[in-house]
Amino acid sequence: MCATLEKMRDETAKKAAEQATERTRVQIAVNLIKEGNMSIEQIARCSMLAVDRVKELTTLQPV
């Protein structure tokens, strides 16, 4: 029982960390998009997001 609870706790913590990392990457990309002086590929590389994800973010941001 204790091992099961520990596993659930660890999985929850891992998922929370992954979500926080994704939010940080998106925020970095959004900030770089707003700057307006980098290509989609450069932003993807700097934010460690996929090019398609950055393209998606550019459609959400007024430039």
C-alpha atoms as a PDB file:
ATOM      1  CA  MET A   1       0.000   0.000   0.000  1.00  0.00           C
ATOM      2  CA  CYS A   2       2.744   2.425   0.933  1.00  0.00           C
ATOM      3  CA  ALA A   3       4.664   1.685  -2.271  1.00  0.00           C
ATOM      4  CA  THR A   4       1.521   2.339  -4.307  1.00  0.00           C
ATOM      5  CA  LEU A   5       1.022   5.729  -2.667  1.00  0.00           C
ATOM      6  CA  GLU A   6       4.678   6.612  -3.202  1.00  0.00           C
ATOM      7  CA  LYS A   7       4.400   5.659  -6.875  1.00  0.00           C
ATOM      8  CA  MET A   8       1.273   7.800  -7.281  1.00  0.00           C
ATOM      9  CA  ARG A   9       3.021  10.714  -5.545  1.00  0.00           C
ATOM     10  CA  ASP A  10       6.075  10.375  -7.772  1.00  0.00           C
ATOM     11  CA  GLU A  11       3.962  10.193 -10.932  1.00  0.00           C
ATOM     12  CA  THR A  12       1.996  13.265  -9.879  1.00  0.00           C
ATOM     13  CA  ALA A  13       5.180  15.198  -9.122  1.00  0.00           C
ATOM     14  CA  LYS A  14       6.693  14.187 -12.466  1.00  0.00           C
ATOM     15  CA  LYS A  15       3.581  15.266 -14.356  1.00  0.00           C
ATOM     16  CA  ALA A  16       3.514  18.609 -12.533  1.00  0.00           C
ATOM     17  CA  ALA A  17       7.174  19.208 -13.362  1.00  0.00           C
ATOM     18  CA  GLU A  18       6.578  18.389 -17.039  1.00  0.00           C
ATOM     19  CA  GLN A  19       3.625  20.787 -17.171  1.00  0.00           C
ATOM     20  CA  ALA A  20       5.663  23.547 -15.546  1.00  0.00           C
ATOM     21  CA  THR A  21       8.466  23.002 -18.052  1.00  0.00           C
ATOM     22  CA  GLU A  22       6.014  23.186 -20.953  1.00  0.00           C
ATOM     23  CA  ARG A  23       4.490  26.422 -19.607  1.00  0.00           C
ATOM     24  CA  THR A  24       7.959  27.936 -19.292  1.00  0.00           C
ATOM     25  CA  ARG A  25       8.870  26.938 -22.851  1.00  0.00           C
ATOM     26  CA  VAL A  26       5.637  28.410 -24.189  1.00  0.00           C
ATOM     27  CA  GLN A  27       6.197  31.655 -22.285  1.00  0.00           C
ATOM     28  CA  ILE A  28       9.726  31.932 -23.661  1.00  0.00           C
ATOM     29  CA  ALA A  29       8.410  31.388 -27.192  1.00  0.00           C
ATOM     30  CA  VAL A  30       5.633  33.944 -26.717  1.00  0.00           C
ATOM     31  CA  ASN A  31       8.122  36.527 -25.465  1.00  0.00           C
ATOM     32  CA  LEU A  32      10.420  35.900 -28.438  1.00  0.00           C
ATOM     33  CA  ILE A  33       7.477  36.112 -30.847  1.00  0.00           C
ATOM     34  CA  LYS A  34       6.537  39.485 -29.342  1.00  0.00           C
ATOM     35  CA  GLU A  35      10.101  40.731 -29.858  1.00  0.00           C
ATOM     36  CA  GLY A  36       9.543  40.095 -33.550  1.00  0.00           C
ATOM     37  CA  ASN A  37      13.151  39.740 -34.667  1.00  0.00           C
ATOM     38  CA  MET A  38      13.631  35.961 -34.766  1.00  0.00           C
ATOM     39  CA  SER A  39      12.516  33.300 -37.223  1.00  0.00           C
ATOM     40  CA  ILE A  40      10.115  30.548 -36.232  1.00  0.00           C
ATOM     41  CA  GLU A  41      12.989  28.063 -36.406  1.00  0.00           C
ATOM     42  CA  GLN A  42      15.171  30.175 -34.111  1.00  0.00           C
ATOM     43  CA  ILE A  43      12.349  30.551 -31.595  1.00  0.00           C
ATOM     44  CA  ALA A  44      11.712  26.805 -31.688  1.00  0.00           C
ATOM     45  CA  ARG A  45      15.379  26.109 -31.069  1.00  0.00           C
ATOM     46  CA  CYS A  46      15.644  28.617 -28.203  1.00  0.00           C
ATOM     47  CA  SER A  47      12.431  27.540 -26.505  1.00  0.00           C
ATOM     48  CA  MET A  48      12.934  23.828 -27.180  1.00  0.00           C
ATOM     49  CA  LEU A  49       9.454  23.615 -28.717  1.00  0.00           C
ATOM     50  CA  ALA A  50       8.549  22.009 -32.023  1.00  0.00           C
ATOM     51  CA  VAL A  51       8.385  24.349 -35.020  1.00  0.00           C
ATOM     52  CA  ASP A  52       4.707  23.475 -35.464  1.00  0.00           C
ATOM     53  CA  ARG A  53       3.982  24.470 -31.852  1.00  0.00           C
ATOM     54  CA  VAL A  54       5.704  27.829 -32.345  1.00  0.00           C
ATOM     55  CA  LYS A  55       3.733  28.392 -35.545  1.00  0.00           C
ATOM     56  CA  GLU A  56       0.572  27.665 -33.572  1.00  0.00           C
ATOM     57  CA  LEU A  57       1.578  30.200 -30.942  1.00  0.00           C
ATOM     58  CA  THR A  58       2.216  32.870 -33.584  1.00  0.00           C
ATOM     59  CA  THR A  59      -1.404  32.598 -34.731  1.00  0.00           C
ATOM     60  CA  LEU A  60      -2.537  33.262 -31.168  1.00  0.00           C
ATOM     61  CA  GLN A  61      -0.332  36.317 -30.637  1.00  0.00           C
ATOM     62  CA  PRO A  62      -1.002  39.726 -32.159  1.00  0.00           C
ATOM     63  CA  VAL A  63       2.204  40.772 -33.908  1.00  0.00           C
END
